[in-house]
C-alpha atoms as a PDB file:
ATOM      1  CA  MET A   1     166.278 123.345 167.082  1.00  0.00           C
ATOM      2  CA  SER A   2     166.763 119.807 167.302  1.00  0.00           C
ATOM      3  CA  LYS A   3     168.280 117.307 164.736  1.00  0.00           C
ATOM      4  CA  LEU A   4     164.671 115.324 164.280  1.00  0.00           C
ATOM      5  CA  THR A   5     163.083 119.041 163.662  1.00  0.00           C
ATOM      6  CA  LYS A   6     164.828 119.850 161.115  1.00  0.00           C
ATOM      7  CA  ILE A   7     164.582 116.699 159.280  1.00  0.00           C
ATOM      8  CA  TYR A   8     160.928 117.035 159.597  1.00  0.00           C
ATOM      9  CA  ILE A   9     161.357 120.622 157.883  1.00  0.00           C
ATOM     10  CA  LEU A  10     163.524 119.056 155.252  1.00  0.00           C
ATOM     11  CA  LEU A  11     161.384 116.378 154.411  1.00  0.00           C
ATOM     12  CA  GLY A  12     158.188 118.988 154.244  1.00  0.00           C
ATOM     13  CA  LEU A  13     160.468 121.729 151.562  1.00  0.00           C
ATOM     14  CA  VAL A  14     160.916 118.224 149.448  1.00  0.00           C
ATOM     15  CA  ALA A  15     157.396 117.068 149.537  1.00  0.00           C
ATOM     16  CA  VAL A  16     156.121 121.072 148.479  1.00  0.00           C
ATOM     17  CA  ILE A  17     158.621 121.133 145.485  1.00  0.00           C
ATOM     18  CA  VAL A  18     157.523 117.347 144.637  1.00  0.00           C
ATOM     19  CA  VAL A  19     153.701 118.369 144.780  1.00  0.00           C
ATOM     20  CA  ALA A  20     154.312 121.668 143.267  1.00  0.00           C
ATOM     21  CA  GLY A  21     156.154 119.930 139.952  1.00  0.00           C
ATOM     22  CA  LEU A  22     153.408 117.650 139.797  1.00  0.00           C
ATOM     23  CA  VAL A  23     151.008 120.476 139.503  1.00  0.00           C
ATOM     24  CA  TRP A  24     152.789 122.351 137.078  1.00  0.00           C
ATOM     25  CA  ARG A  25     153.558 119.703 134.758  1.00  0.00           C
ATOM     26  CA  LEU A  26     149.795 118.864 134.747  1.00  0.00           C
ATOM     27  CA  ILE A  27     148.771 122.274 134.258  1.00  0.00           C
ATOM     28  CA  ASP A  28     151.244 122.352 130.940  1.00  0.00           C
ATOM     29  CA  GLU A  29     149.356 118.921 129.858  1.00  0.00           C
ATOM     30  CA  VAL A  30     146.103 120.528 129.807  1.00  0.00           C
ATOM     31  CA  LYS A  31     147.518 123.861 128.373  1.00  0.00           C
ATOM     32  CA  ASP A  32     148.839 121.386 125.508  1.00  0.00           C
ATOM     33  CA  ALA A  33     145.753 119.227 125.062  1.00  0.00           C
ATOM     34  CA  LYS A  34     143.410 119.352 122.203  1.00  0.00           C
ATOM     35  CA  ILE A  35     139.667 118.971 122.338  1.00  0.00           C
ATOM     36  CA  GLU A  36     138.263 116.915 119.552  1.00  0.00           C
ATOM     37  CA  VAL A  37     134.684 117.258 119.030  1.00  0.00           C
ATOM     38  CA  VAL A  38     133.047 114.313 116.674  1.00  0.00           C
ATOM     39  CA  SER A  39     129.843 114.946 115.209  1.00  0.00           C
ATOM     40  CA  ASP A  40     127.753 112.277 114.154  1.00  0.00           C
ATOM     41  CA  ASN A  41     125.529 113.491 110.718  1.00  0.00           C
ATOM     42  CA  LYS A  42     124.320 110.391 110.596  1.00  0.00           C
ATOM     43  CA  ILE A  43     119.934 109.987 110.624  1.00  0.00           C
ATOM     44  CA  ASP A  44     118.029 106.888 111.267  1.00  0.00           C
ATOM     45  CA  ILE A  45     114.749 106.377 109.808  1.00  0.00           C
ATOM     46  CA  THR A  46     112.606 104.104 111.479  1.00  0.00           C
ATOM     47  CA  PRO A  47     111.128 100.632 109.948  1.00  0.00           C
ATOM     48  CA  GLU A  48     107.677 102.636 111.374  1.00  0.00           C
ATOM     49  CA  VAL A  49     108.382 105.378 108.905  1.00  0.00           C
ATOM     50  CA  ILE A  50     109.439 103.738 105.913  1.00  0.00           C
ATOM     51  CA  GLN A  51     105.736 101.764 106.370  1.00  0.00           C
ATOM     52  CA  SER A  52     104.017 104.677 106.990  1.00  0.00           C
ATOM     53  CA  ILE A  53     105.188 105.746 103.539  1.00  0.00           C
ATOM     54  CA  LYS A  54     104.706 102.546 101.860  1.00  0.00           C
ATOM     55  CA  SER A  55     101.162 102.339 103.396  1.00  0.00           C
ATOM     56  CA  ILE A  56      99.848 105.585 101.389  1.00  0.00           C
ATOM     57  CA  GLY A  57      98.983 103.185  98.529  1.00  0.00           C
ATOM     58  CA  GLU A  58      98.183 104.878  95.017  1.00  0.00           C
ATOM     59  CA  TRP A  59      99.447 108.214  95.700  1.00  0.00           C
ATOM     60  CA  GLU A  60      98.210 110.360  93.552  1.00  0.00           C
ATOM     61  CA  PHE A  61     100.556 113.148  91.974  1.00  0.00           C
ATOM     62  CA  LEU A  62      98.618 114.794  89.378  1.00  0.00           C
ATOM     63  CA  SER A  63      94.561 114.665  88.547  1.00  0.00           C
ATOM     64  CA  ILE A  64      93.298 115.751  85.493  1.00  0.00           C
ATOM     65  CA  ALA A  65      89.822 116.687  84.442  1.00  0.00           C
ATOM     66  CA  ASP A  66      89.124 115.387  80.551  1.00  0.00           C
ATOM     67  CA  GLU A  67      85.768 115.123  78.181  1.00  0.00           C
ATOM     68  CA  GLU A  68      85.955 113.957  74.884  1.00  0.00           C
ATOM     69  CA  MET A  69      83.307 114.177  71.806  1.00  0.00           C
ATOM     70  CA  VAL A  70      82.529 110.497  69.641  1.00  0.00           C
ATOM     71  CA  ASP A  71      80.635 110.482  67.054  1.00  0.00           C
ATOM     72  CA  THR A  72      79.766 107.757  65.034  1.00  0.00           C
ATOM     73  CA  THR A  73      77.651 107.516  61.514  1.00  0.00           C
ATOM     74  CA  ARG A  74      75.800 104.033  60.185  1.00  0.00           C
ATOM     75  CA  LYS A  75      75.093 104.473  56.482  1.00  0.00           C
ATOM     76  CA  GLY A  76      71.280 103.565  55.733  1.00  0.00           C
ATOM     77  CA  ILE A  77      70.000 103.519  51.639  1.00  0.00           C
ATOM     78  CA  PHE A  78      67.980 106.571  52.187  1.00  0.00           C
ATOM     79  CA  SER A  79      69.521 108.437  55.271  1.00  0.00           C
ATOM     80  CA  ASP A  80      72.509 107.821  57.702  1.00  0.00           C
ATOM     81  CA  ASP A  81      72.148 107.172  61.507  1.00  0.00           C
ATOM     82  CA  HIS A  82      73.918 109.630  63.939  1.00  0.00           C
ATOM     83  CA  LEU A  83      75.470 109.117  67.176  1.00  0.00           C
ATOM     84  CA  VAL A  84      77.248 111.695  69.122  1.00  0.00           C
ATOM     85  CA  ARG A  85      78.378 111.313  72.707  1.00  0.00           C
ATOM     86  CA  ILE A  86      79.903 113.071  75.094  1.00  0.00           C
ATOM     87  CA  TYR A  87      81.681 111.591  77.871  1.00  0.00           C
ATOM     88  CA  TYR A  88      83.332 112.947  81.321  1.00  0.00           C
ATOM     89  CA  GLY A  89      86.242 111.307  82.694  1.00  0.00           C
ATOM     90  CA  GLN A  90      88.874 112.235  85.804  1.00  0.00           C
ATOM     91  CA  LEU A  91      92.430 110.275  85.725  1.00  0.00           C
ATOM     92  CA  SER A  92      94.444 109.983  88.360  1.00  0.00           C
ATOM     93  CA  ILE A  93      98.068 110.180  87.833  1.00  0.00           C
ATOM     94  CA  GLY A  94     100.962 108.999  90.550  1.00  0.00           C
ATOM     95  CA  VAL A  95     102.611 106.197  92.099  1.00  0.00           C
ATOM     96  CA  ASN A  96     101.701 102.848  93.650  1.00  0.00           C
ATOM     97  CA  MET A  97     103.729 103.137  97.063  1.00  0.00           C
ATOM     98  CA  HIS A  98     103.286  98.646  97.075  1.00  0.00           C
ATOM     99  CA  LYS A  99     105.317  98.535  94.219  1.00  0.00           C
ATOM    100  CA  VAL A 100     108.572 100.261  95.633  1.00  0.00           C
ATOM    101  CA  GLY A 101     111.288  97.732  95.711  1.00  0.00           C
ATOM    102  CA  PRO A 102     113.181  96.485  98.743  1.00  0.00           C
ATOM    103  CA  ARG A 103     116.251  99.142  99.086  1.00  0.00           C
ATOM    104  CA  TRP A 104     113.630 102.289  97.823  1.00  0.00           C
ATOM    105  CA  ILE A 105     115.015 104.281 100.802  1.00  0.00           C
ATOM    106  CA  GLU A 106     119.218 104.313 101.299  1.00  0.00           C
ATOM    107  CA  THR A 107     120.902 106.577 103.679  1.00  0.00           C
ATOM    108  CA  THR A 108     124.290 108.142 104.146  1.00  0.00           C
ATOM    109  CA  GLY A 109     124.857 110.398 106.870  1.00  0.00           C
ATOM    110  CA  ASP A 110     122.706 113.283 106.084  1.00  0.00           C
ATOM    111  CA  SER A 111     121.689 112.522 102.712  1.00  0.00           C
ATOM    112  CA  VAL A 112     118.672 110.291 101.563  1.00  0.00           C
ATOM    113  CA  THR A 113     117.918 108.779  98.067  1.00  0.00           C
ATOM    114  CA  VAL A 114     114.274 108.086  97.324  1.00  0.00           C
ATOM    115  CA  ILE A 115     113.401 105.389  94.601  1.00  0.00           C
ATOM    116  CA  LEU A 116     109.792 105.490  93.379  1.00  0.00           C
ATOM    117  CA  PRO A 117     107.855 103.227  91.623  1.00  0.00           C
ATOM    118  CA  LYS A 118     107.285 104.662  87.817  1.00  0.00           C
ATOM    119  CA  VAL A 119     104.282 107.222  87.558  1.00  0.00           C
ATOM    120  CA  GLU A 120     101.144 105.191  86.036  1.00  0.00           C
ATOM    121  CA  LEU A 121      97.507 105.684  85.765  1.00  0.00           C
ATOM    122  CA  LEU A 122      96.154 105.015  89.388  1.00  0.00           C
ATOM    123  CA  ASP A 123      92.471 104.057  87.866  1.00  0.00           C
ATOM    124  CA  ASN A 124      91.422 102.460  85.027  1.00  0.00           C
ATOM    125  CA  ASP A 125      88.134 103.167  85.793  1.00  0.00           C
ATOM    126  CA  PHE A 126      88.183 107.036  84.999  1.00  0.00           C
ATOM    127  CA  ILE A 127      85.020 107.165  82.990  1.00  0.00           C
ATOM    128  CA  ASP A 128      82.114 109.049  84.518  1.00  0.00           C
ATOM    129  CA  GLU A 129      79.052 106.705  83.073  1.00  0.00           C
ATOM    130  CA  ALA A 130      76.765 108.928  84.670  1.00  0.00           C
ATOM    131  CA  ARG A 131      77.655 111.937  83.136  1.00  0.00           C
ATOM    132  CA  THR A 132      77.917 110.622  79.951  1.00  0.00           C
ATOM    133  CA  LYS A 133      75.145 112.043  77.599  1.00  0.00           C
ATOM    134  CA  SER A 134      74.239 111.948  73.894  1.00  0.00           C
ATOM    135  CA  PHE A 135      74.754 115.113  72.334  1.00  0.00           C
ATOM    136  CA  TYR A 136      72.891 114.250  68.763  1.00  0.00           C
ATOM    137  CA  GLU A 137      71.221 110.879  67.742  1.00  0.00           C
ATOM    138  CA  SER A 138      69.304 109.560  65.066  1.00  0.00           C
ATOM    139  CA  GLY A 139      68.363 106.256  64.435  1.00  0.00           C
ATOM    140  CA  LYS A 140      68.407 103.338  66.651  1.00  0.00           C
ATOM    141  CA  TRP A 141      71.920 101.878  68.503  1.00  0.00           C
ATOM    142  CA  SER A 142      72.400  98.975  70.025  1.00  0.00           C
ATOM    143  CA  ALA A 143      73.913  98.491  73.561  1.00  0.00           C
ATOM    144  CA  ALA A 144      77.281  96.893  71.596  1.00  0.00           C
ATOM    145  CA  ASP A 145      77.509 100.154  69.233  1.00  0.00           C
ATOM    146  CA  ARG A 146      77.324 102.176  72.797  1.00  0.00           C
ATOM    147  CA  GLU A 147      80.125 100.073  74.479  1.00  0.00           C
ATOM    148  CA  ALA A 148      82.163 100.718  70.804  1.00  0.00           C
ATOM    149  CA  MET A 149      81.881 104.481  71.637  1.00  0.00           C
ATOM    150  CA  TYR A 150      82.673 103.880  75.208  1.00  0.00           C
ATOM    151  CA  ARG A 151      85.933 102.136  74.321  1.00  0.00           C
ATOM    152  CA  ARG A 152      86.722 105.101  71.664  1.00  0.00           C
ATOM    153  CA  ALA A 153      86.178 107.571  74.463  1.00  0.00           C
ATOM    154  CA  TYR A 154      88.594 105.512  77.161  1.00  0.00           C
ATOM    155  CA  GLN A 155      91.524 104.984  74.531  1.00  0.00           C
ATOM    156  CA  MET A 156      91.050 108.994  73.461  1.00  0.00           C
ATOM    157  CA  MET A 157      91.226 110.335  77.310  1.00  0.00           C
ATOM    158  CA  LYS A 158      94.364 107.904  78.204  1.00  0.00           C
ATOM    159  CA  ARG A 159      96.277 108.890  74.829  1.00  0.00           C
ATOM    160  CA  ASN A 160      95.707 112.809  75.162  1.00  0.00           C
ATOM    161  CA  CYS A 161      95.988 112.806  79.165  1.00  0.00           C
ATOM    162  CA  LEU A 162      99.131 110.433  79.742  1.00  0.00           C
ATOM    163  CA  THR A 163     101.232 112.368  77.944  1.00  0.00           C
ATOM    164  CA  ASP A 164     105.159 113.097  78.268  1.00  0.00           C
ATOM    165  CA  LYS A 165     104.721 116.333  79.835  1.00  0.00           C
ATOM    166  CA  ASN A 166     101.697 115.090  82.199  1.00  0.00           C
ATOM    167  CA  ILE A 167     104.038 112.165  83.559  1.00  0.00           C
ATOM    168  CA  ARG A 168     106.707 114.619  83.974  1.00  0.00           C
ATOM    169  CA  THR A 169     104.493 116.956  85.872  1.00  0.00           C
ATOM    170  CA  ALA A 170     103.591 114.280  87.957  1.00  0.00           C
ATOM    171  CA  GLU A 171     107.092 113.427  88.828  1.00  0.00           C
ATOM    172  CA  ILE A 172     107.886 117.258  89.602  1.00  0.00           C
ATOM    173  CA  ASN A 173     104.798 117.228  92.190  1.00  0.00           C
ATOM    174  CA  ALA A 174     106.484 113.752  93.649  1.00  0.00           C
ATOM    175  CA  GLU A 175     110.222 114.876  93.631  1.00  0.00           C
ATOM    176  CA  ALA A 176     108.414 118.095  95.512  1.00  0.00           C
ATOM    177  CA  GLN A 177     106.540 116.496  98.351  1.00  0.00           C
ATOM    178  CA  ILE A 178     108.930 113.375  99.092  1.00  0.00           C
ATOM    179  CA  THR A 179     111.412 116.103  99.407  1.00  0.00           C
ATOM    180  CA  ASN A 180     109.653 117.885 101.849  1.00  0.00           C
ATOM    181  CA  ILE A 181     108.873 114.655 104.071  1.00  0.00           C
ATOM    182  CA  MET A 182     112.481 113.994 104.055  1.00  0.00           C
ATOM    183  CA  ARG A 183     113.890 117.449 105.040  1.00  0.00           C
ATOM    184  CA  GLY A 184     111.252 117.495 107.532  1.00  0.00           C
ATOM    185  CA  LEU A 185     113.059 114.307 108.845  1.00  0.00           C
ATOM    186  CA  GLY A 186     116.523 115.948 109.229  1.00  0.00           C
ATOM    187  CA  PHE A 187     118.053 115.074 105.707  1.00  0.00           C
ATOM    188  CA  ARG A 188     119.389 118.100 103.967  1.00  0.00           C
ATOM    189  CA  ALA A 189     120.287 116.316 100.655  1.00  0.00           C
ATOM    190  CA  VAL A 190     117.480 114.730  98.616  1.00  0.00           C
ATOM    191  CA  THR A 191     117.487 112.637  95.652  1.00  0.00           C
ATOM    192  CA  VAL A 192     114.312 111.127  94.512  1.00  0.00           C
ATOM    193  CA  ARG A 193     114.492 108.665  91.246  1.00  0.00           C
ATOM    194  CA  PHE A 194     111.830 106.717  89.906  1.00  0.00           C
ATOM    195  CA  ASP A 195     112.003 103.159  88.482  1.00  0.00           C
ATOM    196  CA  LYS A 196     111.608 103.132  85.179  1.00  0.00           C
ATOM    197  CA  LYS A 197     111.538  99.378  84.655  1.00  0.00           C
ATOM    198  CA  ASN A 198     108.186  99.104  86.930  1.00  0.00           C
ATOM    199  CA  THR A 199     105.730  99.061  83.924  1.00  0.00           C
ATOM    200  CA  GLN A 200     101.873  98.950  84.788  1.00  0.00           C
ATOM    201  CA  THR A 201     100.190  96.356  82.924  1.00  0.00           C
ATOM    202  CA  GLN A 202      96.725  96.922  80.631  1.00  0.00           C
END
């Protein structure tokens, strides 16, 4: 074996030893390496979704059918005149989505907070005048007399239907529907509040 061949063989052995050392070190580094999985729980709610919810406008969460009997008496010299009328109404209670504030939906990760306008009477024209009928009538009554009875029936229906209990029932229905919508979008924790400063003007 020539001297040159021996040198080549020696260089080859050195190269093998170096490569083996590098491979072994790489294996150790891979074994010691930790794989970190980063989970992004943020859920984006698009402006289109927000606008579609706002576009609902007047959102009814409770409908109440009511009827009221109103009577009036007018004293006469020989006899009294009586008028008794029955009024029927359908009151819609809910929220007007056009009244939401600028930051009515706020998200943090998989949690969302929704602030709705105050629950209120959605339609002031709730008496069905076509169904109004006189239960008993004696004497002559003017249009002004009948208008006064209508106003009495109107106030009676509002007083009897816009109770704290019915308002709370509408709020519970609103919370349930909003929660279902938000969970359908992927949110796990949903908080619904009502803006009590938003009052209805009559």
